[in-house]
N, C-alpha and C. Protein backbone atom coordinates (compact mmCIF):
# COMPACT_ATOMS: atom_id res chain seq x y z
N UNK A 1 0.86 -1.18 -0.02
CA UNK A 1 0.01 -0.02 0.02
C UNK A 1 0.86 1.25 0.00
N UNK A 2 0.55 2.18 -0.82
CA UNK A 2 1.22 3.52 -0.85
C UNK A 2 1.11 4.25 0.46
N UNK A 3 1.91 5.24 0.61
CA UNK A 3 1.90 6.02 1.88
C UNK A 3 1.60 7.50 1.57
N UNK A 4 0.69 7.71 0.70
CA UNK A 4 0.36 9.05 0.29
C UNK A 4 -1.20 9.39 0.35
N UNK A 5 -1.76 8.76 1.32
CA UNK A 5 -3.20 8.98 1.52
C UNK A 5 -3.54 9.75 2.78
N UNK A 6 -4.60 10.47 2.77
CA UNK A 6 -5.17 11.04 4.02
C UNK A 6 -6.55 10.39 4.21
N UNK A 7 -6.68 9.81 5.37
CA UNK A 7 -7.90 9.14 5.74
C UNK A 7 -8.54 10.05 6.80
N UNK A 8 -9.86 10.40 6.56
CA UNK A 8 -10.57 11.21 7.45
C UNK A 8 -11.69 10.44 8.05
N UNK A 9 -11.75 10.44 9.38
CA UNK A 9 -12.84 9.76 10.08
C UNK A 9 -13.64 10.78 10.85
N UNK A 10 -14.94 10.62 10.69
CA UNK A 10 -15.82 11.52 11.45
C UNK A 10 -17.02 10.76 11.88
N UNK A 11 -17.82 11.31 12.78
CA UNK A 11 -19.01 10.65 13.26
C UNK A 11 -19.51 11.30 14.54
N UNK A 12 -20.63 10.87 15.04
CA UNK A 12 -21.25 11.48 16.18
C UNK A 12 -20.35 11.31 17.46
N UNK A 13 -20.55 12.16 18.37
CA UNK A 13 -19.88 12.10 19.70
C UNK A 13 -20.24 10.79 20.32
N UNK A 14 -19.23 10.02 20.82
CA UNK A 14 -19.48 8.79 21.46
C UNK A 14 -19.37 7.56 20.61
N UNK A 15 -19.21 7.71 19.32
CA UNK A 15 -19.27 6.62 18.41
C UNK A 15 -18.01 5.80 18.51
N UNK A 16 -16.89 6.36 19.03
CA UNK A 16 -15.68 5.55 19.29
C UNK A 16 -14.61 5.87 18.27
N UNK A 17 -14.68 7.13 17.73
CA UNK A 17 -13.67 7.52 16.69
C UNK A 17 -12.19 7.31 17.21
N UNK A 18 -11.96 7.81 18.45
CA UNK A 18 -10.66 7.72 19.03
C UNK A 18 -10.18 6.32 19.24
N UNK A 19 -11.06 5.45 19.75
CA UNK A 19 -10.80 4.07 19.91
C UNK A 19 -10.49 3.29 18.61
N UNK A 20 -11.20 3.67 17.59
CA UNK A 20 -11.03 3.09 16.25
C UNK A 20 -9.59 3.50 15.72
N UNK A 21 -9.30 4.76 15.76
CA UNK A 21 -8.04 5.21 15.28
C UNK A 21 -6.89 4.60 16.07
N UNK A 22 -7.06 4.58 17.31
CA UNK A 22 -5.99 3.99 18.16
C UNK A 22 -5.76 2.53 17.77
N UNK A 23 -6.85 1.77 17.65
CA UNK A 23 -6.67 0.34 17.28
C UNK A 23 -6.19 0.19 15.87
N UNK A 24 -6.66 0.99 14.96
CA UNK A 24 -6.26 0.93 13.56
C UNK A 24 -4.74 1.25 13.40
N UNK A 25 -4.29 2.26 14.03
CA UNK A 25 -2.86 2.64 13.96
C UNK A 25 -1.96 1.68 14.67
N UNK A 26 -2.53 1.06 15.69
CA UNK A 26 -1.77 0.03 16.40
C UNK A 26 -1.56 -1.14 15.51
N UNK A 27 -2.58 -1.57 14.88
CA UNK A 27 -2.57 -2.82 14.04
C UNK A 27 -1.74 -2.52 12.77
N UNK A 28 -1.96 -1.34 12.11
CA UNK A 28 -1.34 -1.06 10.83
C UNK A 28 -0.33 0.13 10.95
N UNK A 29 0.28 0.24 12.09
CA UNK A 29 1.15 1.34 12.34
C UNK A 29 2.33 1.52 11.42
N UNK A 30 2.71 0.40 10.63
CA UNK A 30 3.77 0.51 9.73
C UNK A 30 3.37 1.42 8.44
N UNK A 31 2.07 1.51 8.31
CA UNK A 31 1.63 2.26 7.14
C UNK A 31 0.72 3.48 7.48
N UNK A 32 0.23 3.56 8.67
CA UNK A 32 -0.63 4.66 9.07
C UNK A 32 -0.23 5.36 10.38
N UNK A 33 -0.44 6.66 10.38
CA UNK A 33 -0.10 7.40 11.61
C UNK A 33 -1.34 8.37 11.94
N UNK A 34 -1.68 8.42 13.20
CA UNK A 34 -2.68 9.30 13.65
C UNK A 34 -2.13 10.75 13.68
N UNK A 35 -2.85 11.61 13.04
CA UNK A 35 -2.49 13.08 13.12
C UNK A 35 -3.24 13.59 14.30
N UNK A 36 -2.60 14.03 15.33
CA UNK A 36 -3.22 14.46 16.57
C UNK A 36 -3.83 15.85 16.39
N UNK A 37 -5.13 15.89 16.77
CA UNK A 37 -5.85 17.18 16.65
C UNK A 37 -5.58 18.10 17.88
N UNK A 38 -5.83 19.33 17.76
CA UNK A 38 -5.73 20.33 18.81
C UNK A 38 -7.16 20.60 19.34
N UNK A 39 -7.25 20.92 20.60
CA UNK A 39 -8.53 21.25 21.21
C UNK A 39 -8.29 22.20 22.42
N UNK A 40 -9.34 23.03 22.65
CA UNK A 40 -9.38 23.88 23.83
C UNK A 40 -10.06 23.24 24.97
N UNK A 41 -10.73 22.11 24.76
CA UNK A 41 -11.54 21.52 25.84
C UNK A 41 -10.65 20.90 26.87
N UNK A 42 -11.19 20.69 28.04
CA UNK A 42 -10.37 20.07 29.17
C UNK A 42 -10.16 18.57 28.87
N UNK A 43 -9.08 18.12 29.36
CA UNK A 43 -8.77 16.64 29.25
C UNK A 43 -9.86 15.81 29.99
N UNK A 44 -10.23 14.75 29.33
CA UNK A 44 -11.05 13.79 30.01
C UNK A 44 -10.17 12.83 30.80
N UNK A 45 -10.72 12.10 31.77
CA UNK A 45 -9.94 11.07 32.46
C UNK A 45 -9.34 10.08 31.46
N UNK A 46 -8.11 9.76 31.64
CA UNK A 46 -7.38 8.81 30.84
C UNK A 46 -6.77 9.44 29.53
N UNK A 47 -7.02 10.70 29.21
CA UNK A 47 -6.50 11.31 28.07
C UNK A 47 -5.11 11.92 28.42
N UNK A 48 -4.26 11.85 27.44
CA UNK A 48 -2.86 12.37 27.62
C UNK A 48 -2.54 13.42 26.54
N UNK A 49 -2.01 14.60 26.98
CA UNK A 49 -1.60 15.59 26.06
C UNK A 49 -0.50 15.07 25.11
N UNK A 50 -0.51 15.48 23.90
CA UNK A 50 0.36 15.05 22.86
C UNK A 50 0.19 13.63 22.40
N UNK A 51 -0.84 12.96 22.88
CA UNK A 51 -1.19 11.62 22.43
C UNK A 51 -2.63 11.53 21.95
N UNK A 52 -3.54 12.01 22.84
CA UNK A 52 -4.97 12.05 22.41
C UNK A 52 -5.26 13.34 21.65
N UNK A 53 -4.79 14.42 22.18
CA UNK A 53 -4.94 15.74 21.63
C UNK A 53 -3.77 16.56 22.00
N UNK A 54 -3.56 17.65 21.31
CA UNK A 54 -2.78 18.78 21.82
C UNK A 54 -3.77 19.69 22.51
N UNK A 55 -3.67 19.66 23.81
CA UNK A 55 -4.62 20.55 24.67
C UNK A 55 -4.00 21.93 24.73
N UNK A 56 -4.71 22.93 24.11
CA UNK A 56 -4.22 24.32 23.98
C UNK A 56 -5.17 25.20 24.72
N UNK A 57 -4.62 26.32 25.19
CA UNK A 57 -5.52 27.31 25.78
C UNK A 57 -6.21 28.00 24.56
N UNK A 58 -7.34 28.72 24.87
CA UNK A 58 -8.08 29.40 23.80
C UNK A 58 -7.21 30.37 23.09
N UNK A 59 -6.33 31.04 23.83
CA UNK A 59 -5.45 32.06 23.26
C UNK A 59 -4.42 31.31 22.32
N UNK A 60 -3.82 30.29 22.78
CA UNK A 60 -2.94 29.53 21.91
C UNK A 60 -3.60 29.06 20.59
N UNK A 61 -4.78 28.60 20.73
CA UNK A 61 -5.53 28.10 19.59
C UNK A 61 -5.80 29.25 18.65
N UNK A 62 -6.31 30.32 19.17
CA UNK A 62 -6.72 31.48 18.34
C UNK A 62 -5.48 32.11 17.64
N UNK A 63 -4.31 32.14 18.39
CA UNK A 63 -3.07 32.62 17.78
C UNK A 63 -2.69 31.81 16.55
N UNK A 64 -2.74 30.49 16.73
CA UNK A 64 -2.43 29.59 15.59
C UNK A 64 -3.38 29.77 14.49
N UNK A 65 -4.67 29.98 14.76
CA UNK A 65 -5.67 30.23 13.83
C UNK A 65 -5.37 31.52 12.96
N UNK A 66 -4.96 32.59 13.69
CA UNK A 66 -4.67 33.81 13.00
C UNK A 66 -3.43 33.67 12.11
N UNK A 67 -2.56 32.74 12.53
CA UNK A 67 -1.31 32.54 11.75
C UNK A 67 -1.49 31.59 10.62
N UNK A 68 -2.69 31.05 10.43
CA UNK A 68 -3.07 30.18 9.33
C UNK A 68 -2.40 28.74 9.51
N UNK A 69 -2.26 28.32 10.74
CA UNK A 69 -1.65 27.08 11.03
C UNK A 69 -2.56 25.83 10.79
N UNK A 70 -3.84 26.09 10.82
CA UNK A 70 -4.78 24.95 10.75
C UNK A 70 -5.25 24.68 9.38
N UNK A 71 -5.31 23.37 8.96
CA UNK A 71 -5.75 22.97 7.70
C UNK A 71 -7.30 22.94 7.78
N UNK A 72 -7.84 22.62 8.99
CA UNK A 72 -9.23 22.68 9.24
C UNK A 72 -9.50 22.88 10.79
N UNK A 73 -10.65 23.46 11.13
CA UNK A 73 -10.99 23.65 12.40
C UNK A 73 -12.46 23.88 12.59
N UNK A 74 -12.96 23.71 13.79
CA UNK A 74 -14.39 23.89 14.04
C UNK A 74 -14.63 24.30 15.52
N UNK A 75 -15.72 24.94 15.80
CA UNK A 75 -16.06 25.31 17.17
C UNK A 75 -17.31 24.40 17.46
N UNK A 76 -17.06 23.63 18.62
CA UNK A 76 -18.11 22.66 18.99
C UNK A 76 -18.29 22.79 20.50
N UNK A 77 -19.45 23.11 20.94
CA UNK A 77 -19.79 23.29 22.42
C UNK A 77 -18.83 24.38 23.00
N UNK A 78 -18.65 25.39 22.20
CA UNK A 78 -17.78 26.52 22.57
C UNK A 78 -16.36 26.19 22.85
N UNK A 79 -15.89 25.07 22.29
CA UNK A 79 -14.44 24.60 22.29
C UNK A 79 -13.98 24.44 20.89
N UNK A 80 -12.78 24.88 20.69
CA UNK A 80 -12.18 24.71 19.32
C UNK A 80 -11.58 23.28 19.26
N UNK A 81 -11.64 22.78 18.00
CA UNK A 81 -10.97 21.56 17.60
C UNK A 81 -10.33 21.82 16.16
N UNK A 82 -9.22 21.34 15.89
CA UNK A 82 -8.64 21.54 14.60
C UNK A 82 -7.38 20.72 14.39
N UNK A 83 -6.98 20.67 13.12
CA UNK A 83 -5.80 19.85 12.63
C UNK A 83 -4.78 20.86 12.08
N UNK A 84 -3.63 20.75 12.59
CA UNK A 84 -2.49 21.62 12.15
C UNK A 84 -1.92 21.06 10.77
N UNK A 85 -1.51 21.94 9.89
CA UNK A 85 -0.81 21.59 8.69
C UNK A 85 0.42 20.80 9.09
N UNK A 86 1.14 21.27 10.11
CA UNK A 86 2.42 20.61 10.52
C UNK A 86 2.21 19.15 10.89
N UNK A 87 1.01 18.82 11.44
CA UNK A 87 0.76 17.51 11.91
C UNK A 87 0.67 16.48 10.65
N UNK A 88 0.08 17.02 9.63
CA UNK A 88 -0.04 16.19 8.37
C UNK A 88 1.32 16.07 7.71
N UNK A 89 1.99 17.22 7.66
CA UNK A 89 3.27 17.29 7.01
C UNK A 89 4.30 16.41 7.70
N UNK A 90 4.14 16.16 9.01
CA UNK A 90 5.11 15.31 9.78
C UNK A 90 5.07 13.84 9.18
N UNK A 91 3.94 13.40 8.71
CA UNK A 91 3.86 12.08 8.33
C UNK A 91 3.63 11.81 6.80
N UNK A 92 3.01 12.77 6.10
CA UNK A 92 2.64 12.59 4.73
C UNK A 92 3.84 12.19 3.82
N UNK A 93 3.60 11.10 3.06
CA UNK A 93 4.70 10.55 2.27
C UNK A 93 5.52 9.49 2.96
N UNK A 94 5.48 9.48 4.28
CA UNK A 94 6.15 8.38 5.01
C UNK A 94 5.16 7.37 5.49
N UNK A 95 3.99 7.79 5.84
CA UNK A 95 2.86 6.94 6.25
C UNK A 95 1.54 7.70 5.81
N UNK A 96 0.48 6.90 5.72
CA UNK A 96 -0.83 7.45 5.46
C UNK A 96 -1.29 8.19 6.72
N UNK A 97 -1.89 9.33 6.48
CA UNK A 97 -2.25 10.14 7.65
C UNK A 97 -3.73 9.84 8.01
N UNK A 98 -4.05 9.64 9.29
CA UNK A 98 -5.42 9.39 9.78
C UNK A 98 -5.76 10.58 10.62
N UNK A 99 -6.92 11.27 10.20
CA UNK A 99 -7.37 12.47 10.93
C UNK A 99 -8.82 12.12 11.43
N UNK A 100 -9.09 12.66 12.60
CA UNK A 100 -10.47 12.74 13.09
C UNK A 100 -10.98 14.19 13.03
N UNK A 101 -12.10 14.36 12.37
CA UNK A 101 -12.66 15.74 12.26
C UNK A 101 -14.07 15.68 12.61
N UNK A 102 -14.60 16.83 12.88
CA UNK A 102 -15.99 17.07 13.26
C UNK A 102 -16.92 16.77 12.04
N UNK A 103 -18.04 16.07 12.11
CA UNK A 103 -18.93 15.80 11.04
C UNK A 103 -19.39 17.03 10.32
N UNK A 104 -19.54 18.17 10.99
CA UNK A 104 -20.00 19.39 10.41
C UNK A 104 -18.83 20.03 9.55
N UNK A 105 -17.64 19.55 9.76
CA UNK A 105 -16.47 20.14 8.94
C UNK A 105 -16.19 19.27 7.73
N UNK A 106 -16.68 17.99 7.65
CA UNK A 106 -16.23 17.12 6.61
C UNK A 106 -16.56 17.51 5.20
N UNK A 107 -17.75 18.09 4.98
CA UNK A 107 -18.16 18.57 3.63
C UNK A 107 -17.23 19.71 3.26
N UNK A 108 -17.01 20.66 4.03
CA UNK A 108 -16.25 21.83 3.73
C UNK A 108 -14.70 21.43 3.60
N UNK A 109 -14.28 20.52 4.44
CA UNK A 109 -12.87 20.09 4.41
C UNK A 109 -12.48 19.47 3.06
N UNK A 110 -13.43 18.62 2.59
CA UNK A 110 -13.08 17.94 1.32
C UNK A 110 -12.98 18.89 0.12
N UNK A 111 -13.54 20.09 0.28
CA UNK A 111 -13.44 21.08 -0.79
C UNK A 111 -12.20 21.90 -0.73
N UNK A 112 -11.46 21.82 0.32
CA UNK A 112 -10.24 22.65 0.44
C UNK A 112 -9.18 22.13 -0.51
N UNK A 113 -8.48 23.09 -1.13
CA UNK A 113 -7.47 22.78 -2.13
C UNK A 113 -6.39 21.81 -1.51
N UNK A 114 -6.07 21.99 -0.23
CA UNK A 114 -5.10 21.11 0.39
C UNK A 114 -5.47 19.61 0.24
N UNK A 115 -6.75 19.29 0.38
CA UNK A 115 -7.27 17.89 0.31
C UNK A 115 -7.52 17.48 -1.16
N UNK A 116 -7.84 18.42 -1.96
CA UNK A 116 -8.14 18.15 -3.37
C UNK A 116 -6.93 17.62 -4.07
N UNK A 117 -5.75 18.03 -3.65
CA UNK A 117 -4.51 17.64 -4.29
C UNK A 117 -3.90 16.37 -3.74
N UNK A 118 -4.62 15.74 -2.85
CA UNK A 118 -4.08 14.55 -2.24
C UNK A 118 -5.15 13.39 -2.25
N UNK A 119 -4.71 12.20 -2.26
CA UNK A 119 -5.66 11.08 -2.18
C UNK A 119 -6.32 11.12 -0.83
N UNK A 120 -7.55 11.45 -0.75
CA UNK A 120 -8.26 11.61 0.55
C UNK A 120 -9.52 10.71 0.56
N UNK A 121 -9.69 9.90 1.51
CA UNK A 121 -10.81 9.03 1.67
C UNK A 121 -11.50 9.35 3.04
N UNK A 122 -12.76 9.53 2.96
CA UNK A 122 -13.47 9.90 4.22
C UNK A 122 -14.45 8.73 4.60
N UNK A 123 -14.50 8.49 5.91
CA UNK A 123 -15.38 7.48 6.50
C UNK A 123 -16.24 8.19 7.58
N UNK A 124 -17.53 7.87 7.49
CA UNK A 124 -18.41 8.34 8.53
C UNK A 124 -18.70 7.15 9.42
N UNK A 125 -18.25 7.15 10.68
CA UNK A 125 -18.49 6.14 11.64
C UNK A 125 -19.76 6.39 12.37
N UNK A 126 -20.60 5.40 12.48
CA UNK A 126 -21.88 5.56 13.07
C UNK A 126 -22.33 4.39 13.94
N UNK A 127 -23.34 4.64 14.80
CA UNK A 127 -23.88 3.54 15.64
C UNK A 127 -25.30 3.99 15.84
N UNK A 128 -26.21 3.04 16.27
CA UNK A 128 -27.55 3.47 16.49
C UNK A 128 -27.54 4.23 17.84
N UNK A 129 -28.69 4.90 18.01
CA UNK A 129 -28.86 5.80 19.20
C UNK A 129 -28.69 5.08 20.49
N UNK A 130 -29.17 3.79 20.63
CA UNK A 130 -29.02 3.09 21.85
C UNK A 130 -27.51 2.85 22.19
N UNK A 131 -26.78 2.53 21.12
CA UNK A 131 -25.36 2.29 21.32
C UNK A 131 -24.61 3.57 21.73
N UNK A 132 -24.92 4.64 20.96
CA UNK A 132 -24.38 5.94 21.37
C UNK A 132 -24.70 6.33 22.80
N UNK A 133 -25.94 6.10 23.16
CA UNK A 133 -26.35 6.44 24.54
C UNK A 133 -25.55 5.64 25.53
N UNK A 134 -25.35 4.36 25.32
CA UNK A 134 -24.56 3.54 26.15
C UNK A 134 -23.12 4.02 26.23
N UNK A 135 -22.54 4.33 25.17
CA UNK A 135 -21.11 4.74 25.11
C UNK A 135 -20.97 6.13 25.84
N UNK A 136 -21.87 7.07 25.62
CA UNK A 136 -21.78 8.36 26.25
C UNK A 136 -21.94 8.19 27.72
N UNK A 137 -22.86 7.29 28.19
CA UNK A 137 -23.09 7.04 29.66
C UNK A 137 -21.82 6.44 30.26
N UNK A 138 -21.21 5.52 29.54
CA UNK A 138 -19.97 4.88 29.99
C UNK A 138 -18.83 5.83 30.16
N UNK A 139 -18.91 6.85 29.30
CA UNK A 139 -17.83 7.95 29.31
C UNK A 139 -18.09 8.94 30.48
N UNK A 140 -19.22 8.80 31.18
CA UNK A 140 -19.52 9.66 32.30
C UNK A 140 -20.35 10.89 31.99
N UNK A 141 -20.92 11.01 30.82
CA UNK A 141 -21.75 12.14 30.39
C UNK A 141 -23.02 12.19 31.20
N UNK A 142 -23.51 13.39 31.51
CA UNK A 142 -24.76 13.52 32.20
C UNK A 142 -25.89 13.27 31.29
N UNK A 143 -27.00 12.97 31.84
CA UNK A 143 -28.19 12.67 30.96
C UNK A 143 -28.54 13.83 30.08
N UNK A 144 -28.48 15.03 30.55
CA UNK A 144 -28.83 16.21 29.72
C UNK A 144 -27.70 16.29 28.54
N UNK A 145 -26.49 16.05 28.86
CA UNK A 145 -25.42 16.01 27.74
C UNK A 145 -25.74 14.91 26.74
N UNK A 146 -26.10 13.74 27.22
CA UNK A 146 -26.40 12.59 26.27
C UNK A 146 -27.54 12.96 25.39
N UNK A 147 -28.66 13.53 25.99
CA UNK A 147 -29.80 13.87 25.21
C UNK A 147 -29.44 14.91 24.21
N UNK A 148 -28.64 15.92 24.56
CA UNK A 148 -28.20 16.97 23.58
C UNK A 148 -27.36 16.40 22.49
N UNK A 149 -26.49 15.46 22.78
CA UNK A 149 -25.57 14.89 21.81
C UNK A 149 -26.31 13.89 20.88
N UNK A 150 -27.32 13.31 21.34
CA UNK A 150 -28.17 12.50 20.51
C UNK A 150 -28.97 13.27 19.46
N UNK A 151 -29.43 14.39 19.97
CA UNK A 151 -30.11 15.31 18.98
C UNK A 151 -29.15 15.85 17.97
N UNK A 152 -27.97 16.18 18.42
CA UNK A 152 -26.88 16.61 17.52
C UNK A 152 -26.54 15.57 16.48
N UNK A 153 -26.50 14.25 16.93
CA UNK A 153 -26.15 13.13 16.12
C UNK A 153 -27.04 13.06 14.88
N UNK A 154 -28.30 13.37 15.07
CA UNK A 154 -29.23 13.33 13.89
C UNK A 154 -28.84 14.37 12.85
N UNK A 155 -28.40 15.52 13.25
CA UNK A 155 -27.96 16.52 12.31
C UNK A 155 -26.59 16.15 11.75
N UNK A 156 -25.72 15.52 12.58
CA UNK A 156 -24.35 15.14 12.02
C UNK A 156 -24.51 14.06 10.98
N UNK A 157 -25.43 13.18 11.09
CA UNK A 157 -25.63 12.08 10.14
C UNK A 157 -25.94 12.61 8.76
N UNK A 158 -26.48 13.77 8.64
CA UNK A 158 -26.77 14.35 7.30
C UNK A 158 -25.40 14.60 6.54
N UNK A 159 -24.35 14.75 7.31
CA UNK A 159 -23.03 15.03 6.65
C UNK A 159 -22.39 13.75 6.22
N UNK A 160 -23.00 12.61 6.59
CA UNK A 160 -22.44 11.36 6.03
C UNK A 160 -22.49 11.28 4.51
N UNK A 161 -23.34 12.03 3.91
CA UNK A 161 -23.43 12.04 2.51
C UNK A 161 -22.18 12.64 1.83
N UNK A 162 -21.40 13.41 2.54
CA UNK A 162 -20.19 14.01 2.00
C UNK A 162 -18.98 12.99 2.09
N UNK A 163 -19.24 11.79 2.73
CA UNK A 163 -18.14 10.87 3.00
C UNK A 163 -18.20 9.79 1.84
N UNK A 164 -17.04 9.19 1.63
CA UNK A 164 -16.94 8.13 0.66
C UNK A 164 -17.57 6.80 1.20
N UNK A 165 -17.46 6.58 2.51
CA UNK A 165 -18.00 5.38 3.07
C UNK A 165 -18.68 5.64 4.37
N UNK A 166 -19.67 4.89 4.76
CA UNK A 166 -20.26 4.89 6.00
C UNK A 166 -20.00 3.50 6.61
N UNK A 167 -19.50 3.51 7.94
CA UNK A 167 -19.09 2.16 8.59
C UNK A 167 -19.83 2.27 9.94
N UNK A 168 -20.52 1.20 10.21
CA UNK A 168 -21.26 1.10 11.56
C UNK A 168 -20.30 0.43 12.50
N UNK A 169 -20.13 1.11 13.61
CA UNK A 169 -19.16 0.65 14.65
C UNK A 169 -19.83 -0.48 15.44
N UNK A 170 -19.27 -1.67 15.35
CA UNK A 170 -19.69 -2.74 16.13
C UNK A 170 -18.46 -3.35 16.72
N UNK A 171 -17.96 -4.41 16.12
CA UNK A 171 -16.69 -5.00 16.54
C UNK A 171 -15.50 -4.23 15.96
N UNK A 172 -14.72 -3.69 16.81
CA UNK A 172 -13.65 -2.79 16.38
C UNK A 172 -12.66 -3.47 15.45
N UNK A 173 -12.24 -4.72 15.87
CA UNK A 173 -11.30 -5.46 15.01
C UNK A 173 -11.84 -5.70 13.57
N UNK A 174 -13.09 -6.11 13.46
CA UNK A 174 -13.63 -6.35 12.11
C UNK A 174 -13.69 -5.13 11.39
N UNK A 175 -14.12 -3.98 12.04
CA UNK A 175 -14.27 -2.72 11.45
C UNK A 175 -12.96 -2.12 10.88
N UNK A 176 -11.90 -2.27 11.75
CA UNK A 176 -10.60 -1.62 11.23
C UNK A 176 -10.06 -2.54 10.05
N UNK A 177 -10.36 -3.79 10.04
CA UNK A 177 -9.89 -4.54 8.89
C UNK A 177 -10.72 -4.17 7.68
N UNK A 178 -11.98 -3.89 7.86
CA UNK A 178 -12.88 -3.43 6.72
C UNK A 178 -12.31 -2.13 6.18
N UNK A 179 -11.98 -1.19 7.04
CA UNK A 179 -11.42 0.10 6.58
C UNK A 179 -10.12 -0.14 5.83
N UNK A 180 -9.21 -0.96 6.38
CA UNK A 180 -8.00 -1.27 5.74
C UNK A 180 -8.19 -1.88 4.34
N UNK A 181 -9.10 -2.83 4.27
CA UNK A 181 -9.36 -3.50 2.91
C UNK A 181 -9.99 -2.50 1.93
N UNK A 182 -10.76 -1.61 2.33
CA UNK A 182 -11.33 -0.61 1.45
C UNK A 182 -10.14 0.29 0.94
N UNK A 183 -9.26 0.78 1.83
CA UNK A 183 -8.12 1.54 1.36
C UNK A 183 -7.15 0.82 0.48
N UNK A 184 -6.95 -0.47 0.80
CA UNK A 184 -6.04 -1.29 0.03
C UNK A 184 -6.52 -1.45 -1.41
N UNK A 185 -7.87 -1.58 -1.60
CA UNK A 185 -8.45 -1.67 -2.86
C UNK A 185 -8.38 -0.48 -3.70
N UNK A 186 -8.28 0.70 -3.02
CA UNK A 186 -8.17 1.96 -3.70
C UNK A 186 -6.81 2.19 -4.36
N UNK A 187 -5.78 1.50 -3.89
CA UNK A 187 -4.44 1.68 -4.42
C UNK A 187 -4.38 1.34 -5.87
């Protein structure tokens, strides 16, 4: 498999994007690298700076934004999320880059010149509302947060139409193999 692809994963909150990317890059790490996103939100229990996210202050994020350092970014729940150009440049050509982005950004991101000039494949990860509810509850979200995120998930799913593939998150091992096989066939 070539090492010149950008793989974008998106999906509703709680679908398991981070778990999928972690397992995918662990299994296929010789060919794929996770591009770590930046965020201004607080760390959740078990998260590590420079591994799960680059946790930035709002000022740090906005300074990088003004300097044009982000290839894409979004504001979600009054917190910024974004991917730095430098994060992609660190791996591109050596490994395939795997990005997690917000579903509301996926349509606009695919239209950016940066991505048009590169082999980019987008996957929308999804699960039914009962599974999302369970995952969000296991993550320690309050009932009001869960309800709000499930309402948002309905809107986020509309953006799945901008993705090349929709994958339902069930068994992570089977799913990462499915994603790998799709990418391998595209070569």
